Amino acid sequence: MANRRIVPIRLSATKALSRLRSIATDPANVAITRHAESRMIERGISSEQMLHCLRRGHLSGSPVVDEHDNWKFGVELYIAGDHLCFVVAVNPLDPQVLVITAFWVS
């Protein structure tokens, strides 16, 4: 039998945002890469700001499937007059969000 790769269903922006917000209600479900942690420290972004953005932000662009079959997308939020953005990955089968990077949008 041929080795076939299962292609996940297309995730709408509405469903991606709903899933992200649901997962981010529990901080234990949010994993941060070393890269994202370094960028947050470098850019003065707190964990509280990150969680607030994940729980209340809106999507920037459409979700895409990455090389690990996770849904990858940006989430943005204006916080105290500043525009904050995170790039995250969500596994369709695992209730966890991986924060890949963080930055202020100028």
N, C-alpha and C. Protein backbone atom coordinates (compact mmCIF):
# COMPACT_ATOMS: atom_id res chain seq x y z
N MET A 1 0.84 -1.17 0.00
CA MET A 1 0.00 0.00 0.00
C MET A 1 0.88 1.24 0.00
N ALA A 2 0.51 2.23 -0.77
CA ALA A 2 1.30 3.46 -0.88
C ALA A 2 1.20 4.26 0.42
N ASN A 3 2.29 4.92 0.75
CA ASN A 3 2.32 5.77 1.94
C ASN A 3 1.66 7.10 1.58
N ARG A 4 0.50 7.39 2.18
CA ARG A 4 -0.23 8.60 1.86
C ARG A 4 -0.22 9.55 3.05
N ARG A 5 -0.12 10.80 2.73
CA ARG A 5 -0.16 11.84 3.76
C ARG A 5 -1.59 12.31 3.88
N ILE A 6 -2.08 12.37 5.12
CA ILE A 6 -3.43 12.86 5.35
C ILE A 6 -3.38 14.38 5.34
N VAL A 7 -4.22 14.99 4.54
CA VAL A 7 -4.27 16.43 4.44
C VAL A 7 -5.42 16.94 5.31
N PRO A 8 -5.12 17.81 6.28
CA PRO A 8 -6.18 18.31 7.16
C PRO A 8 -7.20 19.15 6.39
N ILE A 9 -8.41 19.21 6.94
CA ILE A 9 -9.43 20.02 6.31
C ILE A 9 -9.04 21.49 6.40
N ARG A 10 -9.59 22.28 5.53
CA ARG A 10 -9.31 23.71 5.52
C ARG A 10 -9.94 24.35 6.76
N LEU A 11 -9.17 25.15 7.45
CA LEU A 11 -9.64 25.80 8.66
C LEU A 11 -9.99 27.25 8.34
N SER A 12 -11.23 27.63 8.57
CA SER A 12 -11.65 29.00 8.31
C SER A 12 -11.06 29.92 9.36
N ALA A 13 -11.00 31.20 9.05
CA ALA A 13 -10.49 32.19 9.99
C ALA A 13 -11.34 32.21 11.25
N THR A 14 -12.64 32.09 11.11
CA THR A 14 -13.54 32.10 12.26
C THR A 14 -13.28 30.91 13.17
N LYS A 15 -13.12 29.73 12.59
CA LYS A 15 -12.86 28.53 13.39
C LYS A 15 -11.47 28.58 14.03
N ALA A 16 -10.49 29.10 13.30
CA ALA A 16 -9.13 29.22 13.84
C ALA A 16 -9.12 30.13 15.06
N LEU A 17 -9.80 31.26 14.95
CA LEU A 17 -9.84 32.20 16.06
C LEU A 17 -10.60 31.62 17.25
N SER A 18 -11.69 30.94 16.98
CA SER A 18 -12.47 30.31 18.04
C SER A 18 -11.64 29.25 18.76
N ARG A 19 -10.93 28.43 17.99
CA ARG A 19 -10.10 27.37 18.59
C ARG A 19 -8.96 27.98 19.41
N LEU A 20 -8.30 28.99 18.87
CA LEU A 20 -7.22 29.65 19.59
C LEU A 20 -7.71 30.21 20.92
N ARG A 21 -8.81 30.92 20.90
CA ARG A 21 -9.34 31.53 22.12
C ARG A 21 -9.73 30.47 23.15
N SER A 22 -10.29 29.38 22.66
CA SER A 22 -10.68 28.29 23.56
C SER A 22 -9.45 27.66 24.22
N ILE A 23 -8.41 27.41 23.44
CA ILE A 23 -7.19 26.81 23.96
C ILE A 23 -6.49 27.76 24.93
N ALA A 24 -6.44 29.05 24.60
CA ALA A 24 -5.68 30.02 25.39
C ALA A 24 -6.36 30.40 26.70
N THR A 25 -7.57 29.91 26.96
CA THR A 25 -8.21 30.21 28.24
C THR A 25 -7.40 29.63 29.40
N ASP A 26 -6.67 28.56 29.14
CA ASP A 26 -5.82 27.95 30.16
C ASP A 26 -4.36 28.19 29.78
N PRO A 27 -3.63 29.00 30.56
CA PRO A 27 -2.23 29.27 30.22
C PRO A 27 -1.37 28.02 30.09
N ALA A 28 -1.76 26.92 30.73
CA ALA A 28 -1.00 25.67 30.63
C ALA A 28 -1.03 25.11 29.21
N ASN A 29 -1.99 25.55 28.40
CA ASN A 29 -2.12 25.08 27.02
C ASN A 29 -1.30 25.92 26.04
N VAL A 30 -0.59 26.93 26.54
CA VAL A 30 0.18 27.83 25.69
C VAL A 30 1.66 27.53 25.86
N ALA A 31 2.30 27.06 24.80
CA ALA A 31 3.74 26.79 24.80
C ALA A 31 4.43 27.90 24.01
N ILE A 32 5.60 28.30 24.49
CA ILE A 32 6.33 29.40 23.86
C ILE A 32 7.69 28.89 23.41
N THR A 33 8.01 29.08 22.14
CA THR A 33 9.33 28.67 21.65
C THR A 33 10.41 29.56 22.27
N ARG A 34 11.63 29.07 22.26
CA ARG A 34 12.74 29.89 22.77
C ARG A 34 12.87 31.18 21.96
N HIS A 35 12.64 31.06 20.67
CA HIS A 35 12.70 32.24 19.80
C HIS A 35 11.67 33.28 20.24
N ALA A 36 10.42 32.84 20.45
CA ALA A 36 9.36 33.77 20.86
C ALA A 36 9.68 34.38 22.23
N GLU A 37 10.18 33.56 23.14
CA GLU A 37 10.54 34.06 24.46
C GLU A 37 11.62 35.13 24.36
N SER A 38 12.62 34.90 23.54
CA SER A 38 13.69 35.88 23.33
C SER A 38 13.15 37.17 22.72
N ARG A 39 12.27 37.05 21.72
CA ARG A 39 11.68 38.23 21.08
C ARG A 39 10.81 39.02 22.06
N MET A 40 10.08 38.30 22.93
CA MET A 40 9.24 38.98 23.91
C MET A 40 10.10 39.78 24.89
N ILE A 41 11.19 39.19 25.37
CA ILE A 41 12.10 39.88 26.28
C ILE A 41 12.72 41.08 25.58
N GLU A 42 13.24 40.86 24.37
CA GLU A 42 13.89 41.91 23.59
C GLU A 42 12.96 43.08 23.32
N ARG A 43 11.67 42.78 23.10
CA ARG A 43 10.70 43.81 22.69
C ARG A 43 9.80 44.28 23.83
N GLY A 44 10.09 43.82 25.04
CA GLY A 44 9.34 44.28 26.20
C GLY A 44 7.88 43.86 26.21
N ILE A 45 7.60 42.64 25.76
CA ILE A 45 6.24 42.11 25.72
C ILE A 45 6.08 41.13 26.88
N SER A 46 5.07 41.36 27.69
CA SER A 46 4.86 40.51 28.87
C SER A 46 4.01 39.29 28.54
N SER A 47 4.05 38.31 29.43
CA SER A 47 3.20 37.12 29.28
C SER A 47 1.73 37.50 29.35
N GLU A 48 1.40 38.49 30.17
CA GLU A 48 0.02 38.94 30.29
C GLU A 48 -0.47 39.55 28.97
N GLN A 49 0.39 40.34 28.32
CA GLN A 49 0.03 40.92 27.03
C GLN A 49 -0.16 39.82 25.99
N MET A 50 0.72 38.81 26.03
CA MET A 50 0.60 37.69 25.10
C MET A 50 -0.74 36.98 25.28
N LEU A 51 -1.07 36.62 26.51
CA LEU A 51 -2.33 35.90 26.76
C LEU A 51 -3.53 36.76 26.38
N HIS A 52 -3.47 38.05 26.67
CA HIS A 52 -4.57 38.94 26.30
C HIS A 52 -4.74 38.98 24.78
N CYS A 53 -3.63 39.03 24.06
CA CYS A 53 -3.69 39.04 22.59
C CYS A 53 -4.26 37.72 22.05
N LEU A 54 -3.82 36.59 22.61
CA LEU A 54 -4.31 35.29 22.14
C LEU A 54 -5.80 35.12 22.43
N ARG A 55 -6.27 35.69 23.52
CA ARG A 55 -7.67 35.53 23.93
C ARG A 55 -8.60 36.54 23.28
N ARG A 56 -8.09 37.72 22.90
CA ARG A 56 -8.94 38.79 22.40
C ARG A 56 -8.60 39.30 21.01
N GLY A 57 -7.45 38.87 20.48
CA GLY A 57 -6.98 39.40 19.21
C GLY A 57 -7.79 38.92 18.01
N HIS A 58 -7.42 39.42 16.85
CA HIS A 58 -8.04 39.01 15.59
C HIS A 58 -6.95 38.47 14.66
N LEU A 59 -7.36 37.67 13.69
CA LEU A 59 -6.40 37.06 12.78
C LEU A 59 -5.85 38.07 11.79
N SER A 60 -4.58 37.90 11.46
CA SER A 60 -3.98 38.66 10.37
C SER A 60 -3.69 37.65 9.27
N GLY A 61 -4.43 37.72 8.22
CA GLY A 61 -4.27 36.76 7.14
C GLY A 61 -5.06 35.48 7.39
N SER A 62 -4.89 34.53 6.52
CA SER A 62 -5.61 33.26 6.61
C SER A 62 -4.71 32.18 7.20
N PRO A 63 -5.29 31.23 7.93
CA PRO A 63 -4.49 30.11 8.45
C PRO A 63 -3.95 29.26 7.31
N VAL A 64 -2.70 28.81 7.47
CA VAL A 64 -2.08 27.93 6.49
C VAL A 64 -1.53 26.71 7.21
N VAL A 65 -1.42 25.61 6.51
CA VAL A 65 -0.86 24.39 7.09
C VAL A 65 0.66 24.47 6.96
N ASP A 66 1.37 24.27 8.08
CA ASP A 66 2.83 24.29 8.04
C ASP A 66 3.39 22.89 7.78
N GLU A 67 4.70 22.77 7.83
CA GLU A 67 5.36 21.49 7.51
C GLU A 67 5.11 20.40 8.55
N HIS A 68 4.53 20.77 9.70
CA HIS A 68 4.23 19.80 10.75
C HIS A 68 2.73 19.50 10.82
N ASP A 69 1.99 19.91 9.80
CA ASP A 69 0.53 19.74 9.72
C ASP A 69 -0.21 20.52 10.81
N ASN A 70 0.40 21.58 11.31
CA ASN A 70 -0.27 22.48 12.23
C ASN A 70 -0.85 23.65 11.45
N TRP A 71 -1.86 24.28 12.00
CA TRP A 71 -2.40 25.50 11.41
C TRP A 71 -1.60 26.66 11.95
N LYS A 72 -1.03 27.46 11.06
CA LYS A 72 -0.16 28.56 11.44
C LYS A 72 -0.82 29.86 11.00
N PHE A 73 -0.84 30.86 11.90
CA PHE A 73 -1.45 32.14 11.56
C PHE A 73 -0.99 33.21 12.52
N GLY A 74 -1.22 34.45 12.15
CA GLY A 74 -0.89 35.58 13.00
C GLY A 74 -2.14 36.03 13.74
N VAL A 75 -1.93 36.54 14.93
CA VAL A 75 -3.03 37.10 15.72
C VAL A 75 -2.54 38.45 16.24
N GLU A 76 -3.40 39.48 16.08
CA GLU A 76 -3.02 40.84 16.40
C GLU A 76 -4.02 41.48 17.35
N LEU A 77 -3.52 42.48 18.09
CA LEU A 77 -4.39 43.23 18.99
C LEU A 77 -3.75 44.58 19.29
N TYR A 78 -4.59 45.62 19.35
CA TYR A 78 -4.12 46.92 19.82
C TYR A 78 -4.18 46.91 21.33
N ILE A 79 -3.06 47.21 21.98
CA ILE A 79 -2.99 47.25 23.44
C ILE A 79 -2.41 48.60 23.83
N ALA A 80 -3.21 49.38 24.53
CA ALA A 80 -2.78 50.70 25.03
C ALA A 80 -2.14 51.55 23.92
N GLY A 81 -2.76 51.54 22.75
CA GLY A 81 -2.28 52.35 21.64
C GLY A 81 -1.18 51.72 20.81
N ASP A 82 -0.75 50.52 21.17
CA ASP A 82 0.30 49.83 20.41
C ASP A 82 -0.30 48.59 19.74
N HIS A 83 0.23 48.27 18.58
CA HIS A 83 -0.26 47.15 17.77
C HIS A 83 0.67 45.95 17.97
N LEU A 84 0.18 44.92 18.65
CA LEU A 84 0.95 43.74 19.01
C LEU A 84 0.57 42.57 18.11
N CYS A 85 1.55 41.76 17.71
CA CYS A 85 1.28 40.61 16.85
C CYS A 85 2.08 39.40 17.32
N PHE A 86 1.44 38.23 17.25
CA PHE A 86 2.08 36.95 17.52
C PHE A 86 1.81 36.03 16.35
N VAL A 87 2.78 35.19 16.02
CA VAL A 87 2.57 34.12 15.05
C VAL A 87 2.49 32.85 15.88
N VAL A 88 1.42 32.07 15.64
CA VAL A 88 1.17 30.88 16.43
C VAL A 88 0.90 29.68 15.52
N ALA A 89 1.02 28.50 16.10
CA ALA A 89 0.68 27.25 15.41
C ALA A 89 -0.25 26.47 16.32
N VAL A 90 -1.31 25.92 15.73
CA VAL A 90 -2.29 25.13 16.47
C VAL A 90 -2.39 23.77 15.81
N ASN A 91 -2.19 22.72 16.61
CA ASN A 91 -2.35 21.35 16.11
C ASN A 91 -3.83 21.03 16.12
N PRO A 92 -4.39 20.58 15.00
CA PRO A 92 -5.83 20.30 14.96
C PRO A 92 -6.27 19.19 15.90
N LEU A 93 -5.33 18.34 16.35
CA LEU A 93 -5.69 17.22 17.21
C LEU A 93 -5.25 17.40 18.67
N ASP A 94 -4.55 18.48 18.97
CA ASP A 94 -3.98 18.67 20.29
C ASP A 94 -4.43 20.02 20.85
N PRO A 95 -4.95 20.07 22.08
CA PRO A 95 -5.42 21.34 22.64
C PRO A 95 -4.26 22.19 23.18
N GLN A 96 -3.36 22.57 22.27
CA GLN A 96 -2.24 23.41 22.66
C GLN A 96 -1.93 24.38 21.53
N VAL A 97 -1.50 25.57 21.92
CA VAL A 97 -1.06 26.56 20.94
C VAL A 97 0.43 26.80 21.17
N LEU A 98 1.18 26.87 20.08
CA LEU A 98 2.62 27.13 20.15
C LEU A 98 2.85 28.55 19.64
N VAL A 99 3.43 29.39 20.49
CA VAL A 99 3.76 30.75 20.10
C VAL A 99 5.13 30.72 19.44
N ILE A 100 5.19 31.16 18.18
CA ILE A 100 6.40 31.06 17.38
C ILE A 100 7.25 32.32 17.47
N THR A 101 6.60 33.48 17.37
CA THR A 101 7.32 34.75 17.48
C THR A 101 6.36 35.84 17.92
N ALA A 102 6.94 36.98 18.32
CA ALA A 102 6.15 38.11 18.79
C ALA A 102 6.81 39.40 18.33
N PHE A 103 5.99 40.39 17.96
CA PHE A 103 6.56 41.68 17.55
C PHE A 103 5.51 42.78 17.62
N TRP A 104 6.00 44.01 17.69
CA TRP A 104 5.15 45.19 17.62
C TRP A 104 5.05 45.59 16.17
N VAL A 105 3.88 45.90 15.69
CA VAL A 105 3.67 46.34 14.32
C VAL A 105 3.76 47.86 14.31
N SER A 106 4.62 48.40 13.44
CA SER A 106 4.77 49.85 13.41
C SER A 106 3.83 50.50 12.44
